[in-house]
N, C-alpha and C. Protein backbone atom coordinates (compact mmCIF):
# COMPACT_ATOMS: atom_id res chain seq x y z
N MET A 1 68.13 130.56 52.11
CA MET A 1 69.03 129.82 51.23
C MET A 1 68.92 128.33 51.48
N MET A 2 68.75 127.90 52.72
CA MET A 2 68.76 126.48 53.04
C MET A 2 67.37 125.86 53.02
N GLY A 3 66.32 126.63 53.20
CA GLY A 3 64.98 126.06 53.24
C GLY A 3 64.60 125.68 54.66
N PRO A 4 63.37 125.20 54.84
CA PRO A 4 62.92 124.84 56.18
C PRO A 4 63.63 123.59 56.69
N PRO A 5 63.66 123.39 58.02
CA PRO A 5 64.36 122.23 58.58
C PRO A 5 63.82 120.90 58.09
N GLY A 6 62.52 120.81 57.79
CA GLY A 6 61.93 119.56 57.35
C GLY A 6 62.29 119.19 55.92
N GLY A 7 62.94 120.05 55.22
CA GLY A 7 63.32 119.76 53.83
C GLY A 7 62.56 120.65 52.88
N ASP A 8 63.19 120.99 51.82
CA ASP A 8 62.60 121.87 50.82
C ASP A 8 62.73 121.20 49.47
N PRO A 9 61.60 120.86 48.82
CA PRO A 9 61.71 120.20 47.51
C PRO A 9 62.48 121.03 46.49
N ALA A 10 62.45 122.34 46.64
CA ALA A 10 63.16 123.19 45.70
C ALA A 10 64.58 123.48 46.18
N GLY A 11 65.02 122.80 47.22
CA GLY A 11 66.35 123.05 47.79
C GLY A 11 67.47 122.83 46.80
N LEU A 12 67.30 121.85 45.91
CA LEU A 12 68.33 121.60 44.91
C LEU A 12 68.48 122.80 43.98
N GLY A 13 67.38 123.44 43.65
CA GLY A 13 67.44 124.65 42.84
C GLY A 13 68.20 125.76 43.55
N HIS A 14 67.98 125.87 44.87
CA HIS A 14 68.72 126.86 45.65
C HIS A 14 70.21 126.54 45.65
N LEU A 15 70.54 125.27 45.74
CA LEU A 15 71.94 124.86 45.73
C LEU A 15 72.62 125.26 44.43
N PHE A 16 71.97 125.00 43.30
CA PHE A 16 72.57 125.35 42.01
C PHE A 16 72.68 126.87 41.85
N ARG A 17 71.67 127.59 42.31
CA ARG A 17 71.74 129.06 42.24
C ARG A 17 72.91 129.56 43.08
N TRP A 18 73.12 128.95 44.22
CA TRP A 18 74.22 129.32 45.11
C TRP A 18 75.56 129.02 44.45
N LEU A 19 75.69 127.86 43.80
CA LEU A 19 76.94 127.52 43.11
C LEU A 19 77.23 128.49 41.98
N PHE A 20 76.20 128.83 41.20
CA PHE A 20 76.41 129.76 40.09
C PHE A 20 76.79 131.15 40.61
N ALA A 21 76.27 131.53 41.78
CA ALA A 21 76.62 132.84 42.36
C ALA A 21 78.11 132.92 42.67
N TYR A 22 78.73 131.79 42.98
CA TYR A 22 80.16 131.76 43.26
C TYR A 22 80.98 131.37 42.04
N GLY A 23 80.36 131.36 40.87
CA GLY A 23 81.09 131.07 39.64
C GLY A 23 81.41 129.60 39.44
N LEU A 24 80.69 128.73 40.11
CA LEU A 24 80.91 127.28 40.00
C LEU A 24 79.70 126.65 39.33
N GLY A 25 79.95 125.63 38.56
CA GLY A 25 78.85 124.93 37.90
C GLY A 25 78.52 123.63 38.59
N PRO A 26 77.30 123.14 38.39
CA PRO A 26 76.95 121.85 38.98
C PRO A 26 77.66 120.71 38.26
N ARG A 27 77.88 119.64 38.97
CA ARG A 27 78.50 118.45 38.39
C ARG A 27 77.53 117.29 38.58
N PRO A 28 77.47 116.39 37.61
CA PRO A 28 76.51 115.28 37.72
C PRO A 28 77.06 114.06 38.45
N ASP A 29 78.06 114.23 39.29
CA ASP A 29 78.67 113.08 39.95
C ASP A 29 79.04 113.45 41.38
N GLN A 30 79.80 112.58 42.03
CA GLN A 30 80.20 112.81 43.41
C GLN A 30 81.09 114.03 43.56
N GLY A 31 81.63 114.55 42.47
CA GLY A 31 82.46 115.74 42.53
C GLY A 31 81.71 116.96 43.03
N LEU A 32 80.38 116.97 42.90
CA LEU A 32 79.59 118.09 43.41
C LEU A 32 79.79 118.24 44.91
N ILE A 33 79.73 117.15 45.63
CA ILE A 33 79.86 117.22 47.09
C ILE A 33 81.31 117.37 47.52
N PHE A 34 82.20 116.61 46.91
CA PHE A 34 83.57 116.53 47.44
C PHE A 34 84.55 117.50 46.79
N GLN A 35 84.18 118.13 45.69
CA GLN A 35 85.10 119.08 45.05
C GLN A 35 84.47 120.47 44.91
N THR A 36 83.26 120.54 44.37
CA THR A 36 82.64 121.84 44.11
C THR A 36 82.17 122.52 45.38
N LEU A 37 81.46 121.79 46.25
CA LEU A 37 80.95 122.41 47.48
C LEU A 37 82.05 122.92 48.41
N PRO A 38 83.15 122.20 48.62
CA PRO A 38 84.21 122.78 49.46
C PRO A 38 84.75 124.10 48.91
N ILE A 39 84.84 124.22 47.59
CA ILE A 39 85.29 125.49 47.00
C ILE A 39 84.27 126.58 47.30
N ALA A 40 82.98 126.25 47.14
CA ALA A 40 81.93 127.23 47.41
C ALA A 40 81.92 127.63 48.88
N PHE A 41 82.07 126.65 49.78
CA PHE A 41 82.13 126.97 51.21
C PHE A 41 83.33 127.86 51.52
N GLY A 42 84.45 127.62 50.86
CA GLY A 42 85.65 128.42 51.09
C GLY A 42 85.50 129.86 50.63
N GLN A 43 84.59 130.13 49.69
CA GLN A 43 84.42 131.48 49.16
C GLN A 43 83.38 132.29 49.92
N MET A 44 82.54 131.63 50.69
CA MET A 44 81.47 132.37 51.37
C MET A 44 81.91 132.80 52.77
N PRO A 45 81.34 133.89 53.28
CA PRO A 45 81.67 134.32 54.64
C PRO A 45 81.18 133.27 55.65
N GLY A 46 82.03 132.88 56.57
CA GLY A 46 81.68 131.85 57.54
C GLY A 46 81.59 130.47 56.93
N GLY A 47 82.16 130.31 55.75
CA GLY A 47 82.04 129.06 55.01
C GLY A 47 82.73 127.89 55.66
N THR A 48 83.79 128.15 56.43
CA THR A 48 84.48 127.05 57.10
C THR A 48 83.55 126.38 58.10
N LEU A 49 82.84 127.18 58.90
CA LEU A 49 81.91 126.63 59.87
C LEU A 49 80.72 125.96 59.17
N VAL A 50 80.17 126.62 58.16
CA VAL A 50 79.04 126.05 57.43
C VAL A 50 79.45 124.75 56.75
N GLY A 51 80.64 124.73 56.14
CA GLY A 51 81.13 123.52 55.50
C GLY A 51 81.35 122.39 56.49
N PHE A 52 81.92 122.73 57.65
CA PHE A 52 82.13 121.73 58.69
C PHE A 52 80.80 121.12 59.13
N LEU A 53 79.83 121.98 59.42
CA LEU A 53 78.51 121.49 59.84
C LEU A 53 77.84 120.67 58.74
N PHE A 54 77.97 121.13 57.49
CA PHE A 54 77.38 120.39 56.37
C PHE A 54 77.94 118.98 56.28
N PHE A 55 79.26 118.86 56.37
CA PHE A 55 79.87 117.53 56.23
C PHE A 55 79.62 116.65 57.45
N ILE A 56 79.49 117.24 58.64
CA ILE A 56 79.10 116.45 59.82
C ILE A 56 77.69 115.89 59.60
N LEU A 57 76.77 116.73 59.14
CA LEU A 57 75.41 116.26 58.86
C LEU A 57 75.40 115.23 57.74
N LEU A 58 76.27 115.39 56.76
CA LEU A 58 76.37 114.41 55.67
C LEU A 58 76.84 113.05 56.20
N VAL A 59 77.78 113.06 57.14
CA VAL A 59 78.24 111.80 57.74
C VAL A 59 77.09 111.13 58.48
N PHE A 60 76.32 111.90 59.26
CA PHE A 60 75.17 111.31 59.96
C PHE A 60 74.14 110.76 58.98
N ALA A 61 73.89 111.48 57.90
CA ALA A 61 72.94 110.99 56.89
C ALA A 61 73.45 109.70 56.25
N ALA A 62 74.74 109.64 55.98
CA ALA A 62 75.30 108.43 55.38
C ALA A 62 75.22 107.25 56.33
N TRP A 63 75.52 107.48 57.61
CA TRP A 63 75.46 106.38 58.59
C TRP A 63 74.04 105.87 58.76
N THR A 64 73.07 106.77 58.88
CA THR A 64 71.69 106.31 59.05
C THR A 64 71.20 105.57 57.82
N SER A 65 71.61 106.02 56.64
CA SER A 65 71.25 105.30 55.41
C SER A 65 71.93 103.94 55.36
N ALA A 66 73.19 103.88 55.78
CA ALA A 66 73.92 102.61 55.76
C ALA A 66 73.28 101.60 56.71
N ILE A 67 72.83 102.07 57.86
CA ILE A 67 72.18 101.15 58.81
C ILE A 67 70.92 100.56 58.20
N SER A 68 70.11 101.39 57.55
CA SER A 68 68.88 100.85 56.95
C SER A 68 69.18 99.97 55.74
N LEU A 69 70.32 100.15 55.10
CA LEU A 69 70.68 99.30 53.97
C LEU A 69 71.20 97.94 54.42
N VAL A 70 71.95 97.88 55.52
CA VAL A 70 72.52 96.60 55.95
C VAL A 70 71.57 95.80 56.84
N GLU A 71 70.56 96.44 57.40
CA GLU A 71 69.65 95.73 58.30
C GLU A 71 68.97 94.53 57.65
N PRO A 72 68.45 94.61 56.41
CA PRO A 72 67.85 93.41 55.81
C PRO A 72 68.85 92.28 55.61
N LEU A 73 70.09 92.60 55.24
CA LEU A 73 71.09 91.55 55.05
C LEU A 73 71.45 90.89 56.37
N VAL A 74 71.60 91.68 57.42
CA VAL A 74 71.89 91.10 58.74
C VAL A 74 70.72 90.22 59.18
N ALA A 75 69.49 90.70 59.00
CA ALA A 75 68.31 89.90 59.38
C ALA A 75 68.27 88.59 58.59
N TRP A 76 68.59 88.65 57.30
CA TRP A 76 68.59 87.43 56.48
C TRP A 76 69.65 86.45 56.97
N LEU A 77 70.84 86.95 57.29
CA LEU A 77 71.90 86.08 57.79
C LEU A 77 71.51 85.43 59.12
N VAL A 78 70.85 86.19 59.98
CA VAL A 78 70.43 85.65 61.27
C VAL A 78 69.32 84.61 61.09
N GLU A 79 68.33 84.92 60.24
CA GLU A 79 67.18 84.03 60.09
C GLU A 79 67.48 82.80 59.24
N ASN A 80 68.28 82.94 58.20
CA ASN A 80 68.47 81.84 57.25
C ASN A 80 69.80 81.12 57.38
N ARG A 81 70.78 81.73 57.97
CA ARG A 81 72.10 81.11 58.08
C ARG A 81 72.47 80.77 59.52
N GLY A 82 71.60 81.10 60.45
CA GLY A 82 71.81 80.70 61.83
C GLY A 82 72.85 81.49 62.60
N TYR A 83 73.23 82.67 62.12
CA TYR A 83 74.18 83.48 62.87
C TYR A 83 73.51 84.03 64.12
N ALA A 84 74.30 84.24 65.17
CA ALA A 84 73.76 84.85 66.38
C ALA A 84 73.34 86.28 66.06
N ALA A 85 72.23 86.67 66.63
CA ALA A 85 71.65 87.98 66.31
C ALA A 85 72.64 89.10 66.60
N GLY A 86 72.95 89.86 65.58
CA GLY A 86 73.73 91.08 65.73
C GLY A 86 75.23 90.95 65.86
N SER A 87 75.78 89.77 66.02
CA SER A 87 77.22 89.70 66.24
C SER A 87 77.96 89.38 64.94
N ARG A 88 78.02 88.12 64.58
CA ARG A 88 78.80 87.72 63.41
C ARG A 88 78.16 88.23 62.11
N ALA A 89 76.84 88.24 62.05
CA ALA A 89 76.15 88.72 60.86
C ALA A 89 76.45 90.19 60.61
N ALA A 90 76.39 90.99 61.66
CA ALA A 90 76.70 92.41 61.52
C ALA A 90 78.17 92.62 61.16
N GLY A 91 79.06 91.80 61.74
CA GLY A 91 80.48 91.91 61.42
C GLY A 91 80.78 91.57 59.97
N LEU A 92 80.16 90.50 59.45
CA LEU A 92 80.36 90.14 58.04
C LEU A 92 79.82 91.21 57.11
N THR A 93 78.67 91.75 57.45
CA THR A 93 78.09 92.81 56.62
C THR A 93 78.96 94.06 56.65
N ALA A 94 79.47 94.41 57.83
CA ALA A 94 80.36 95.57 57.94
C ALA A 94 81.65 95.35 57.17
N LEU A 95 82.18 94.13 57.21
CA LEU A 95 83.40 93.82 56.46
C LEU A 95 83.17 93.95 54.95
N ALA A 96 82.05 93.42 54.47
CA ALA A 96 81.74 93.55 53.04
C ALA A 96 81.59 95.01 52.65
N GLY A 97 80.91 95.79 53.49
CA GLY A 97 80.77 97.22 53.22
C GLY A 97 82.10 97.93 53.21
N ARG A 98 82.98 97.55 54.13
CA ARG A 98 84.32 98.15 54.19
C ARG A 98 85.13 97.83 52.94
N ILE A 99 85.05 96.59 52.47
CA ILE A 99 85.79 96.19 51.26
C ILE A 99 85.29 96.98 50.05
N PHE A 100 83.96 97.02 49.85
CA PHE A 100 83.43 97.77 48.71
C PHE A 100 83.70 99.27 48.85
N GLY A 101 83.63 99.79 50.08
CA GLY A 101 83.94 101.20 50.30
C GLY A 101 85.38 101.53 49.99
N ASN A 102 86.30 100.64 50.38
CA ASN A 102 87.72 100.87 50.08
C ASN A 102 87.99 100.80 48.58
N LEU A 103 87.32 99.89 47.88
CA LEU A 103 87.47 99.83 46.42
C LEU A 103 87.02 101.14 45.78
N ALA A 104 85.88 101.66 46.24
CA ALA A 104 85.38 102.93 45.71
C ALA A 104 86.34 104.07 46.04
N LEU A 105 86.85 104.08 47.25
CA LEU A 105 87.78 105.13 47.67
C LEU A 105 89.07 105.09 46.86
N LEU A 106 89.63 103.91 46.69
CA LEU A 106 90.87 103.79 45.92
C LEU A 106 90.69 104.16 44.46
N SER A 107 89.47 103.95 43.92
CA SER A 107 89.24 104.32 42.52
C SER A 107 89.23 105.83 42.32
N LEU A 108 89.14 106.58 43.42
CA LEU A 108 89.16 108.04 43.32
C LEU A 108 90.54 108.64 43.55
N ASN A 109 91.50 107.84 44.04
CA ASN A 109 92.82 108.41 44.26
C ASN A 109 93.93 107.52 43.72
N LEU A 110 94.38 106.52 44.42
CA LEU A 110 95.55 105.74 43.98
C LEU A 110 95.33 105.02 42.66
N TRP A 111 94.13 104.51 42.44
CA TRP A 111 93.87 103.74 41.22
C TRP A 111 93.27 104.59 40.10
N GLN A 112 93.06 105.87 40.33
CA GLN A 112 92.42 106.71 39.32
C GLN A 112 93.28 106.78 38.07
N GLY A 113 92.69 106.48 36.94
CA GLY A 113 93.39 106.51 35.67
C GLY A 113 94.18 105.26 35.36
N ASP A 114 94.28 104.32 36.28
CA ASP A 114 95.00 103.07 36.06
C ASP A 114 94.06 102.08 35.37
N ALA A 115 94.39 101.70 34.15
CA ALA A 115 93.51 100.85 33.35
C ALA A 115 93.31 99.47 33.97
N ARG A 116 94.22 99.03 34.83
CA ARG A 116 94.05 97.71 35.46
C ARG A 116 92.88 97.67 36.42
N PHE A 117 92.46 98.84 36.90
CA PHE A 117 91.40 98.89 37.90
C PHE A 117 90.14 99.55 37.36
N THR A 118 89.92 99.46 36.07
CA THR A 118 88.70 99.98 35.47
C THR A 118 87.96 98.85 34.77
N PHE A 119 86.66 98.97 34.74
CA PHE A 119 85.81 98.01 34.05
C PHE A 119 84.90 98.80 33.13
N PHE A 120 84.99 98.51 31.84
CA PHE A 120 84.21 99.22 30.83
C PHE A 120 84.46 100.73 30.91
N GLY A 121 85.71 101.11 31.22
CA GLY A 121 86.08 102.51 31.29
C GLY A 121 85.65 103.21 32.57
N LYS A 122 85.18 102.47 33.56
CA LYS A 122 84.71 103.07 34.80
C LYS A 122 85.53 102.56 35.98
N GLY A 123 85.82 103.46 36.91
CA GLY A 123 86.43 103.05 38.17
C GLY A 123 85.37 102.38 39.04
N PHE A 124 85.78 101.88 40.20
CA PHE A 124 84.84 101.15 41.05
C PHE A 124 83.65 102.00 41.48
N LEU A 125 83.88 103.24 41.91
CA LEU A 125 82.77 104.07 42.36
C LEU A 125 81.79 104.33 41.23
N ASP A 126 82.30 104.68 40.05
CA ASP A 126 81.42 104.91 38.91
C ASP A 126 80.71 103.63 38.49
N LEU A 127 81.41 102.50 38.57
CA LEU A 127 80.79 101.22 38.24
C LEU A 127 79.69 100.87 39.24
N PHE A 128 79.94 101.06 40.55
CA PHE A 128 78.91 100.81 41.56
C PHE A 128 77.71 101.72 41.33
N ASP A 129 77.99 102.99 41.01
CA ASP A 129 76.91 103.94 40.75
C ASP A 129 76.09 103.52 39.55
N TRP A 130 76.75 103.10 38.47
CA TRP A 130 76.04 102.69 37.26
C TRP A 130 75.21 101.44 37.50
N ILE A 131 75.79 100.45 38.17
CA ILE A 131 75.05 99.20 38.44
C ILE A 131 73.83 99.49 39.32
N THR A 132 74.01 100.33 40.33
CA THR A 132 72.90 100.65 41.23
C THR A 132 71.79 101.36 40.49
N SER A 133 72.13 102.42 39.73
CA SER A 133 71.08 103.21 39.08
C SER A 133 70.46 102.54 37.87
N ASN A 134 71.26 101.82 37.09
CA ASN A 134 70.76 101.29 35.82
C ASN A 134 70.35 99.83 35.85
N VAL A 135 70.75 99.10 36.88
CA VAL A 135 70.39 97.67 36.94
C VAL A 135 69.58 97.38 38.20
N MET A 136 70.15 97.68 39.37
CA MET A 136 69.50 97.25 40.61
C MET A 136 68.18 97.96 40.90
N LEU A 137 68.12 99.27 40.72
CA LEU A 137 66.87 99.98 41.00
C LEU A 137 65.75 99.56 40.04
N PRO A 138 65.97 99.54 38.71
CA PRO A 138 64.89 99.07 37.83
C PRO A 138 64.53 97.60 38.06
N LEU A 139 65.53 96.75 38.32
CA LEU A 139 65.25 95.34 38.57
C LEU A 139 64.46 95.17 39.87
N GLY A 140 64.81 95.92 40.90
CA GLY A 140 64.04 95.89 42.14
C GLY A 140 62.61 96.33 41.92
N GLY A 141 62.41 97.39 41.13
CA GLY A 141 61.06 97.83 40.80
C GLY A 141 60.28 96.77 40.05
N LEU A 142 60.95 96.09 39.11
CA LEU A 142 60.29 95.01 38.35
C LEU A 142 59.88 93.88 39.29
N LEU A 143 60.78 93.44 40.15
CA LEU A 143 60.46 92.34 41.05
C LEU A 143 59.35 92.71 42.03
N ILE A 144 59.36 93.94 42.52
CA ILE A 144 58.30 94.38 43.43
C ILE A 144 56.96 94.42 42.70
N SER A 145 56.94 94.94 41.46
CA SER A 145 55.68 95.01 40.73
C SER A 145 55.16 93.62 40.38
N VAL A 146 56.04 92.70 40.01
CA VAL A 146 55.60 91.32 39.72
C VAL A 146 55.08 90.67 41.00
N PHE A 147 55.78 90.87 42.12
CA PHE A 147 55.34 90.28 43.39
C PHE A 147 53.97 90.83 43.78
N ALA A 148 53.81 92.16 43.70
CA ALA A 148 52.54 92.77 44.12
C ALA A 148 51.39 92.36 43.21
N ALA A 149 51.64 92.19 41.92
CA ALA A 149 50.56 91.89 40.98
C ALA A 149 50.26 90.40 40.87
N TRP A 150 51.26 89.56 40.95
CA TRP A 150 51.06 88.15 40.63
C TRP A 150 51.18 87.20 41.82
N ILE A 151 51.85 87.60 42.88
CA ILE A 151 52.09 86.67 43.99
C ILE A 151 51.23 87.01 45.21
N MET A 152 51.10 88.29 45.54
CA MET A 152 50.28 88.68 46.70
C MET A 152 48.82 88.32 46.46
N THR A 153 48.15 87.88 47.51
CA THR A 153 46.71 87.60 47.40
C THR A 153 45.94 88.91 47.43
N ARG A 154 44.70 88.85 46.97
CA ARG A 154 43.86 90.05 46.99
C ARG A 154 43.62 90.54 48.42
N GLU A 155 43.44 89.59 49.34
CA GLU A 155 43.22 89.97 50.74
C GLU A 155 44.46 90.67 51.31
N SER A 156 45.62 90.15 50.99
CA SER A 156 46.86 90.76 51.46
C SER A 156 47.04 92.15 50.85
N SER A 157 46.74 92.28 49.57
CA SER A 157 46.84 93.59 48.90
C SER A 157 45.87 94.58 49.53
N ARG A 158 44.64 94.11 49.80
CA ARG A 158 43.64 94.97 50.42
C ARG A 158 44.13 95.43 51.81
N GLY A 159 44.72 94.51 52.55
CA GLY A 159 45.23 94.85 53.88
C GLY A 159 46.38 95.84 53.82
N GLU A 160 47.30 95.65 52.88
CA GLU A 160 48.45 96.56 52.75
C GLU A 160 48.02 97.95 52.29
N LEU A 161 46.96 98.00 51.47
CA LEU A 161 46.46 99.29 51.01
C LEU A 161 45.53 99.95 52.02
N GLY A 162 45.16 99.21 53.07
CA GLY A 162 44.27 99.76 54.10
C GLY A 162 42.83 99.87 53.63
N LEU A 163 42.42 99.02 52.70
CA LEU A 163 41.05 99.06 52.19
C LEU A 163 40.15 98.20 53.07
N PRO A 164 38.91 98.63 53.29
CA PRO A 164 37.98 97.79 54.05
C PRO A 164 37.66 96.52 53.27
N ASN A 165 37.20 95.49 53.99
CA ASN A 165 36.95 94.19 53.36
C ASN A 165 35.94 94.25 52.23
N GLY A 166 34.93 95.09 52.31
CA GLY A 166 33.91 95.14 51.27
C GLY A 166 34.37 95.87 50.01
N MET A 167 35.41 96.65 50.09
CA MET A 167 35.86 97.44 48.95
C MET A 167 36.71 96.59 48.02
N ARG A 168 36.42 96.71 46.73
CA ARG A 168 37.16 95.92 45.74
C ARG A 168 38.24 96.78 45.09
N ILE A 169 39.27 96.11 44.63
CA ILE A 169 40.32 96.79 43.85
C ILE A 169 39.84 96.85 42.41
N SER A 170 39.94 97.99 41.81
CA SER A 170 39.45 98.20 40.44
C SER A 170 40.12 97.24 39.47
N PRO A 171 39.34 96.66 38.54
CA PRO A 171 39.95 95.80 37.52
C PRO A 171 40.98 96.55 36.67
N VAL A 172 40.74 97.83 36.45
CA VAL A 172 41.70 98.63 35.67
C VAL A 172 43.03 98.71 36.43
N ALA A 173 42.96 98.95 37.75
CA ALA A 173 44.18 99.02 38.55
C ALA A 173 44.87 97.66 38.58
N GLY A 174 44.10 96.60 38.67
CA GLY A 174 44.69 95.26 38.66
C GLY A 174 45.39 94.96 37.35
N CYS A 175 44.74 95.29 36.23
CA CYS A 175 45.34 95.07 34.91
C CYS A 175 46.58 95.94 34.74
N TRP A 176 46.48 97.18 35.19
CA TRP A 176 47.61 98.11 35.09
C TRP A 176 48.82 97.57 35.85
N SER A 177 48.59 97.13 37.10
CA SER A 177 49.72 96.65 37.90
C SER A 177 50.22 95.30 37.43
N ALA A 178 49.34 94.48 36.85
CA ALA A 178 49.75 93.14 36.42
C ALA A 178 50.42 93.14 35.05
N MET A 179 50.04 94.04 34.17
CA MET A 179 50.56 94.00 32.80
C MET A 179 51.49 95.17 32.47
N PHE A 180 50.98 96.39 32.64
CA PHE A 180 51.73 97.54 32.16
C PHE A 180 52.98 97.81 33.00
N THR A 181 52.84 97.78 34.32
CA THR A 181 53.98 98.13 35.18
C THR A 181 55.18 97.21 34.97
N PRO A 182 55.00 95.86 34.96
CA PRO A 182 56.18 95.02 34.69
C PRO A 182 56.79 95.26 33.31
N LEU A 183 55.94 95.47 32.29
CA LEU A 183 56.47 95.73 30.95
C LEU A 183 57.25 97.04 30.91
N TRP A 184 56.74 98.04 31.60
CA TRP A 184 57.43 99.33 31.66
C TRP A 184 58.78 99.18 32.36
N ARG A 185 58.83 98.40 33.43
CA ARG A 185 60.09 98.17 34.14
C ARG A 185 61.09 97.40 33.27
N ILE A 186 60.61 96.43 32.52
CA ILE A 186 61.49 95.70 31.61
C ILE A 186 62.06 96.65 30.56
N GLY A 187 61.23 97.57 30.06
CA GLY A 187 61.71 98.58 29.12
C GLY A 187 62.78 99.47 29.73
N LEU A 188 62.65 99.80 31.01
CA LEU A 188 63.67 100.60 31.68
C LEU A 188 64.99 99.85 31.79
N ILE A 189 64.91 98.56 32.07
CA ILE A 189 66.13 97.76 32.21
C ILE A 189 66.83 97.61 30.87
N CYS A 190 66.05 97.37 29.82
CA CYS A 190 66.65 97.18 28.49
C CYS A 190 67.03 98.51 27.92
């Protein structure tokens, strides 16, 4: 049911099959983890222990992801703003994360349904989710593709790709990365 420890690409299919077996449907939002899965864990034999272990592992996954997300911001604050390494920069980043996290949390309980705390009909968590998926990820892809195609030197590109010095990058690949990829990313954003 869970797949191998290293991860199972079809694991999501197993999850949905498991939810349907307990008469629950998948949800396309955070409700899948915080509402549907606890019900499913409560219905299965030994589900309390499995649910406890699942959510402990989810906390570890969230913390490790959060560390990798804040590390570039802390490094930028240390290198460009002169903060002492790891102290004030990490504290400011943690404070910003706490503020945004509390806004998302409040949008799911105390502020839920309150029109004063919605933007374009979305609470903070839904708004953060929409901005991340529909603006930041495509924009990041666009900026990376423009940087790789137009700013990086050929020698640097060859080194990053691990190509030997005598090997050339195909003109088709160069044209593809310089023209088509940025246009495709712009289409995703629009």
